[in-house]
């Protein structure tokens, strides 16, 4: 096998956006992540929108009434009478 082709591994400090911190090994010394196993909806069973740019609120503001009040099969902008 060739020598010196494998990356160096360090003890890595991982910090999540929810405040959870843990330690693992990786090729970098520090990682900042948005979602971890403590706050991920798959593991918690709680649905949560992860929206840093306000896209969900903008969508609801722009299309919320039109989508909720639309008839099945009608165009997206059509409302019930």
Protein backbone atom coordinates (compact mmCIF):
# COMPACT_ATOMS: atom_id res chain seq x y z
CA UNK A 1 0.00 0.00 0.00
CA UNK A 2 1.11 3.54 -0.67
CA UNK A 3 2.27 5.63 2.26
CA UNK A 4 0.94 9.13 3.08
CA UNK A 5 -2.22 8.95 0.97
CA UNK A 6 -4.75 8.86 3.81
CA UNK A 7 -6.09 12.06 5.38
CA UNK A 8 -5.20 12.95 8.96
CA UNK A 9 -8.02 12.52 11.47
CA UNK A 10 -8.51 14.84 14.43
CA UNK A 11 -10.79 14.92 17.46
CA UNK A 12 -13.62 17.08 16.11
CA UNK A 13 -15.94 19.30 18.16
CA UNK A 14 -19.38 19.44 16.54
CA UNK A 15 -21.89 22.13 17.51
CA UNK A 16 -25.46 22.21 16.24
CA UNK A 17 -27.78 25.18 15.72
CA UNK A 18 -30.06 23.82 18.47
CA UNK A 19 -27.23 24.09 21.02
CA UNK A 20 -26.27 20.41 21.16
CA UNK A 21 -22.53 19.75 21.24
CA UNK A 22 -20.69 16.47 20.86
CA UNK A 23 -17.28 15.14 19.92
CA UNK A 24 -16.30 12.77 17.11
CA UNK A 25 -13.37 12.24 14.75
CA UNK A 26 -13.08 13.92 11.37
CA UNK A 27 -10.61 15.50 8.98
CA UNK A 28 -11.37 18.96 10.44
CA UNK A 29 -11.06 20.09 14.05
CA UNK A 30 -14.42 21.88 14.34
CA UNK A 31 -17.82 21.62 12.61
CA UNK A 32 -20.93 23.82 12.84
CA UNK A 33 -24.08 22.08 11.64
CA UNK A 34 -27.74 23.13 11.37
CA UNK A 35 -29.48 19.86 12.26
CA UNK A 36 -28.34 16.98 14.48
CA UNK A 37 -29.96 13.79 15.74
CA UNK A 38 -31.38 15.65 18.77
CA UNK A 39 -33.39 18.16 16.71
CA UNK A 40 -33.96 16.28 13.41
CA UNK A 41 -37.69 15.57 12.78
CA UNK A 42 -37.00 11.95 11.80
CA UNK A 43 -35.57 11.16 15.23
CA UNK A 44 -37.78 13.43 17.35
CA UNK A 45 -41.12 12.79 15.60
CA UNK A 46 -41.86 16.53 15.72
CA UNK A 47 -42.31 18.35 12.41
CA UNK A 48 -40.32 21.57 12.32
CA UNK A 49 -39.65 23.89 9.40
CA UNK A 50 -35.98 24.77 9.19
CA UNK A 51 -36.14 28.13 7.48
CA UNK A 52 -33.32 30.60 7.84
CA UNK A 53 -34.31 32.96 5.03
CA UNK A 54 -38.05 33.29 5.80
CA UNK A 55 -39.10 31.33 2.71
CA UNK A 56 -41.93 29.46 4.44
CA UNK A 57 -43.43 32.67 5.84
CA UNK A 58 -43.12 34.39 2.47
CA UNK A 59 -44.82 31.44 0.76
CA UNK A 60 -47.67 31.40 3.28
CA UNK A 61 -48.08 35.16 2.99
CA UNK A 62 -48.09 35.08 -0.80
CA UNK A 63 -49.97 31.84 -1.56
CA UNK A 64 -51.50 30.71 1.73
CA UNK A 65 -55.00 32.08 1.11
CA UNK A 66 -55.07 31.18 -2.60
CA UNK A 67 -53.87 27.61 -2.04
CA UNK A 68 -56.15 26.99 0.97
CA UNK A 69 -59.25 28.41 -0.75
CA UNK A 70 -58.72 26.92 -4.22
CA UNK A 71 -61.09 24.36 -5.70
CA UNK A 72 -59.65 20.95 -6.61
CA UNK A 73 -58.59 20.97 -10.26
CA UNK A 74 -58.79 24.76 -10.52
CA UNK A 75 -55.81 26.93 -11.47
CA UNK A 76 -53.55 27.99 -8.60
CA UNK A 77 -54.87 31.58 -8.50
CA UNK A 78 -58.58 30.63 -8.53
CA UNK A 79 -60.64 31.04 -5.34
CA UNK A 80 -63.91 29.50 -4.20
CA UNK A 81 -67.10 31.46 -4.82
